[in-house]
Every structure is written in C-alpha cells, then in structure tokens.
C-alpha cells in the first residue's frame, strides 16, 4: 500500500504534523488550500490537487486528514462563488 509520507511528498508537502488546513486567496484572487506547520513555512496547492489528495487519503483510511482538506476545499469553492 502507498505510504502516507510518500503521498504527502508527492503532493509537495512535508511528512510533518499539519497544524491547520485552510483556504486562502492569492494576491491575484485565486483560492488555494494552505497547509500550516510548526517549523516549516506554510505551503499551498490548488483546490483540484487538494481534492485529489483527499480522495487518496480516504482510500488509505486517513479520513480525519481527508475531511479537513475536503472542508477547506468546500470553503474555498464557497468563497470563490461569492
């Protein structure tokens, strides 16, 4: 089975505890999903990539993390529609 650390690294995220997952808007008005860490600068990805990551996480049984990402993606889509 695909390891969680490999999945995170393949998506540009370090294998460290994520403190916060939230939508954020770039300077040009594009909504992205931001991942905040304790010792690492926040990283972000587009909502489509984050949705695909959440699907893979659900498949791996990482439902808590996947649900946090799904929630952030849902909020980003909501804010984008406003």
N, C-alpha and C. Protein backbone atom coordinates (compact mmCIF):
# COMPACT_ATOMS: atom_id res chain seq x y z
N UNK A 1 0.84 -1.19 0.00
CA UNK A 1 0.00 0.00 0.00
C UNK A 1 0.89 1.25 0.00
N UNK A 2 0.37 2.28 -0.57
CA UNK A 2 1.06 3.56 -0.69
C UNK A 2 1.21 4.19 0.68
N UNK A 3 2.40 4.58 1.04
CA UNK A 3 2.65 5.17 2.37
C UNK A 3 2.18 6.62 2.41
N UNK A 4 1.70 7.03 3.58
CA UNK A 4 1.24 8.40 3.78
C UNK A 4 2.35 9.40 3.49
N UNK A 5 3.55 9.12 3.98
CA UNK A 5 4.67 10.05 3.77
C UNK A 5 4.96 10.23 2.29
N UNK A 6 4.88 9.15 1.52
CA UNK A 6 5.11 9.23 0.08
C UNK A 6 4.03 10.06 -0.60
N UNK A 7 2.78 9.85 -0.21
CA UNK A 7 1.68 10.61 -0.79
C UNK A 7 1.85 12.10 -0.51
N UNK A 8 2.19 12.44 0.72
CA UNK A 8 2.39 13.84 1.07
C UNK A 8 3.54 14.44 0.25
N UNK A 9 4.66 13.74 0.20
CA UNK A 9 5.82 14.24 -0.55
C UNK A 9 5.50 14.39 -2.03
N UNK A 10 4.75 13.45 -2.58
CA UNK A 10 4.36 13.54 -4.00
C UNK A 10 3.49 14.76 -4.28
N UNK A 11 2.85 15.27 -3.24
CA UNK A 11 1.99 16.45 -3.38
C UNK A 11 2.66 17.71 -2.87
N UNK A 12 3.97 17.65 -2.65
CA UNK A 12 4.73 18.83 -2.25
C UNK A 12 4.63 19.20 -0.79
N UNK A 13 4.18 18.27 0.05
CA UNK A 13 4.02 18.53 1.47
C UNK A 13 5.01 17.71 2.28
N UNK A 14 5.58 18.29 3.33
CA UNK A 14 6.49 17.52 4.17
C UNK A 14 5.73 16.51 5.03
N UNK A 15 6.42 15.48 5.45
CA UNK A 15 5.83 14.48 6.34
C UNK A 15 5.98 14.96 7.77
N UNK A 16 5.25 16.02 8.11
CA UNK A 16 5.25 16.61 9.44
C UNK A 16 3.81 16.86 9.85
N UNK A 17 3.56 16.98 11.16
CA UNK A 17 2.19 17.27 11.60
C UNK A 17 1.69 18.59 11.01
N UNK A 18 0.48 18.56 10.49
CA UNK A 18 -0.15 19.75 9.93
C UNK A 18 -0.98 20.39 11.03
N UNK A 19 -0.69 21.65 11.33
CA UNK A 19 -1.39 22.35 12.40
C UNK A 19 -2.74 22.90 11.95
N UNK A 20 -2.80 23.34 10.69
CA UNK A 20 -4.01 23.99 10.19
C UNK A 20 -4.10 23.81 8.68
N UNK A 21 -5.30 23.54 8.21
CA UNK A 21 -5.57 23.48 6.78
C UNK A 21 -6.71 24.45 6.53
N UNK A 22 -6.47 25.43 5.65
CA UNK A 22 -7.49 26.46 5.43
C UNK A 22 -7.40 27.01 4.01
N UNK A 23 -8.52 27.55 3.52
CA UNK A 23 -8.47 28.21 2.22
C UNK A 23 -7.79 29.57 2.37
N UNK A 24 -7.11 29.99 1.35
CA UNK A 24 -6.58 31.35 1.34
C UNK A 24 -6.57 31.86 -0.09
N UNK A 25 -6.67 33.16 -0.20
CA UNK A 25 -6.75 33.80 -1.51
C UNK A 25 -5.41 34.44 -1.85
N UNK A 26 -4.93 34.17 -3.06
CA UNK A 26 -3.67 34.75 -3.50
C UNK A 26 -3.87 36.21 -3.86
N UNK A 27 -2.78 36.89 -4.13
CA UNK A 27 -2.85 38.31 -4.49
C UNK A 27 -3.65 38.55 -5.77
N UNK A 28 -3.70 37.54 -6.63
CA UNK A 28 -4.44 37.69 -7.89
C UNK A 28 -5.87 37.15 -7.78
N UNK A 29 -6.29 36.80 -6.55
CA UNK A 29 -7.68 36.41 -6.32
C UNK A 29 -8.00 34.95 -6.52
N UNK A 30 -6.99 34.09 -6.59
CA UNK A 30 -7.22 32.66 -6.77
C UNK A 30 -7.25 31.99 -5.39
N UNK A 31 -8.26 31.17 -5.16
CA UNK A 31 -8.36 30.47 -3.88
C UNK A 31 -7.53 29.19 -3.93
N UNK A 32 -6.72 29.00 -2.89
CA UNK A 32 -5.86 27.83 -2.76
C UNK A 32 -6.06 27.25 -1.36
N UNK A 33 -5.52 26.07 -1.14
CA UNK A 33 -5.60 25.43 0.17
C UNK A 33 -4.22 25.53 0.82
N UNK A 34 -4.19 26.14 2.01
CA UNK A 34 -2.93 26.36 2.72
C UNK A 34 -2.77 25.34 3.84
N UNK A 35 -1.57 24.78 3.93
CA UNK A 35 -1.21 23.82 4.96
C UNK A 35 -0.17 24.49 5.86
N UNK A 36 -0.48 24.64 7.15
CA UNK A 36 0.40 25.31 8.09
C UNK A 36 1.07 24.29 9.01
N UNK A 37 2.35 24.52 9.25
CA UNK A 37 3.18 23.63 10.06
C UNK A 37 3.82 24.42 11.20
N UNK A 38 4.38 23.70 12.15
CA UNK A 38 5.05 24.34 13.28
C UNK A 38 6.40 24.91 12.87
N UNK A 39 7.23 24.13 12.20
CA UNK A 39 8.61 24.53 11.89
C UNK A 39 8.86 24.85 10.43
N UNK A 40 7.85 24.76 9.59
CA UNK A 40 8.01 24.94 8.14
C UNK A 40 7.08 26.06 7.69
N UNK A 41 7.53 26.84 6.72
CA UNK A 41 6.65 27.87 6.15
C UNK A 41 5.38 27.22 5.61
N UNK A 42 4.24 27.91 5.69
CA UNK A 42 3.01 27.35 5.12
C UNK A 42 3.19 27.05 3.62
N UNK A 43 2.57 25.98 3.19
CA UNK A 43 2.59 25.58 1.79
C UNK A 43 1.17 25.55 1.29
N UNK A 44 0.98 25.73 -0.02
CA UNK A 44 -0.37 25.69 -0.55
C UNK A 44 -0.42 24.94 -1.86
N UNK A 45 -1.64 24.55 -2.22
CA UNK A 45 -1.88 23.88 -3.51
C UNK A 45 -3.26 24.31 -4.00
N UNK A 46 -3.49 24.12 -5.29
CA UNK A 46 -4.79 24.49 -5.82
C UNK A 46 -5.85 23.52 -5.30
N UNK A 47 -7.09 23.95 -5.37
CA UNK A 47 -8.19 23.17 -4.80
C UNK A 47 -8.36 21.83 -5.49
N UNK A 48 -8.12 21.77 -6.79
CA UNK A 48 -8.26 20.49 -7.51
C UNK A 48 -7.25 19.47 -7.01
N UNK A 49 -6.00 19.89 -6.85
CA UNK A 49 -4.98 18.98 -6.34
C UNK A 49 -5.33 18.54 -4.91
N UNK A 50 -5.80 19.48 -4.10
CA UNK A 50 -6.17 19.15 -2.73
C UNK A 50 -7.32 18.15 -2.69
N UNK A 51 -8.29 18.30 -3.60
CA UNK A 51 -9.41 17.35 -3.66
C UNK A 51 -8.92 15.95 -4.01
N UNK A 52 -8.00 15.87 -4.97
CA UNK A 52 -7.44 14.57 -5.35
C UNK A 52 -6.65 13.96 -4.20
N UNK A 53 -5.92 14.79 -3.47
CA UNK A 53 -5.19 14.32 -2.30
C UNK A 53 -6.16 13.76 -1.27
N UNK A 54 -7.26 14.45 -1.03
CA UNK A 54 -8.26 14.00 -0.05
C UNK A 54 -8.85 12.65 -0.45
N UNK A 55 -9.10 12.45 -1.73
CA UNK A 55 -9.63 11.16 -2.21
C UNK A 55 -8.65 10.05 -1.89
N UNK A 56 -7.38 10.26 -2.19
CA UNK A 56 -6.35 9.25 -1.91
C UNK A 56 -6.24 8.99 -0.40
N UNK A 57 -6.34 10.05 0.40
CA UNK A 57 -6.28 9.89 1.85
C UNK A 57 -7.46 9.06 2.36
N UNK A 58 -8.66 9.30 1.82
CA UNK A 58 -9.82 8.49 2.19
C UNK A 58 -9.57 7.03 1.84
N UNK A 59 -9.00 6.78 0.67
CA UNK A 59 -8.72 5.41 0.23
C UNK A 59 -7.72 4.71 1.16
N UNK A 60 -6.84 5.49 1.77
CA UNK A 60 -5.83 4.95 2.67
C UNK A 60 -6.34 4.85 4.11
N UNK A 61 -7.55 5.29 4.36
CA UNK A 61 -8.09 5.26 5.70
C UNK A 61 -7.70 6.45 6.56
N UNK A 62 -7.14 7.47 5.94
CA UNK A 62 -6.74 8.69 6.65
C UNK A 62 -7.90 9.70 6.59
N UNK A 63 -9.03 9.28 7.14
CA UNK A 63 -10.26 10.05 6.99
C UNK A 63 -10.24 11.40 7.69
N UNK A 64 -9.60 11.49 8.85
CA UNK A 64 -9.59 12.77 9.58
C UNK A 64 -8.88 13.85 8.76
N UNK A 65 -7.70 13.54 8.25
CA UNK A 65 -6.96 14.49 7.43
C UNK A 65 -7.71 14.79 6.13
N UNK A 66 -8.27 13.76 5.52
CA UNK A 66 -9.02 13.94 4.28
C UNK A 66 -10.22 14.85 4.49
N UNK A 67 -10.92 14.68 5.60
CA UNK A 67 -12.09 15.52 5.88
C UNK A 67 -11.70 16.98 6.11
N UNK A 68 -10.56 17.21 6.75
CA UNK A 68 -10.09 18.59 6.95
C UNK A 68 -9.80 19.25 5.60
N UNK A 69 -9.20 18.49 4.69
CA UNK A 69 -8.91 19.03 3.36
C UNK A 69 -10.21 19.26 2.60
N UNK A 70 -11.13 18.30 2.66
CA UNK A 70 -12.43 18.46 1.99
C UNK A 70 -13.16 19.71 2.48
N UNK A 71 -13.11 19.94 3.78
CA UNK A 71 -13.77 21.12 4.35
C UNK A 71 -13.14 22.42 3.83
N UNK A 72 -11.81 22.46 3.79
CA UNK A 72 -11.12 23.66 3.29
C UNK A 72 -11.43 23.88 1.82
N UNK A 73 -11.47 22.81 1.03
CA UNK A 73 -11.80 22.93 -0.40
C UNK A 73 -13.23 23.44 -0.55
N UNK A 74 -14.13 22.92 0.24
CA UNK A 74 -15.53 23.37 0.17
C UNK A 74 -15.67 24.85 0.50
N UNK A 75 -14.95 25.30 1.52
CA UNK A 75 -14.99 26.73 1.87
C UNK A 75 -14.39 27.59 0.78
N UNK A 76 -13.28 27.11 0.18
CA UNK A 76 -12.64 27.87 -0.91
C UNK A 76 -13.61 28.00 -2.09
N UNK A 77 -14.31 26.93 -2.43
CA UNK A 77 -15.28 26.99 -3.53
C UNK A 77 -16.43 27.93 -3.18
N UNK A 78 -16.85 27.90 -1.94
CA UNK A 78 -17.92 28.81 -1.50
C UNK A 78 -17.49 30.26 -1.61
N UNK A 79 -16.30 30.57 -1.11
CA UNK A 79 -15.80 31.94 -1.17
C UNK A 79 -15.59 32.39 -2.61
N UNK A 80 -15.14 31.49 -3.45
CA UNK A 80 -14.90 31.83 -4.85
C UNK A 80 -16.21 32.18 -5.57
N UNK A 81 -17.31 31.57 -5.14
CA UNK A 81 -18.62 31.81 -5.77
C UNK A 81 -19.26 33.12 -5.31
N UNK A 82 -18.72 33.71 -4.25
CA UNK A 82 -19.32 34.94 -3.70
C UNK A 82 -19.02 36.14 -4.58
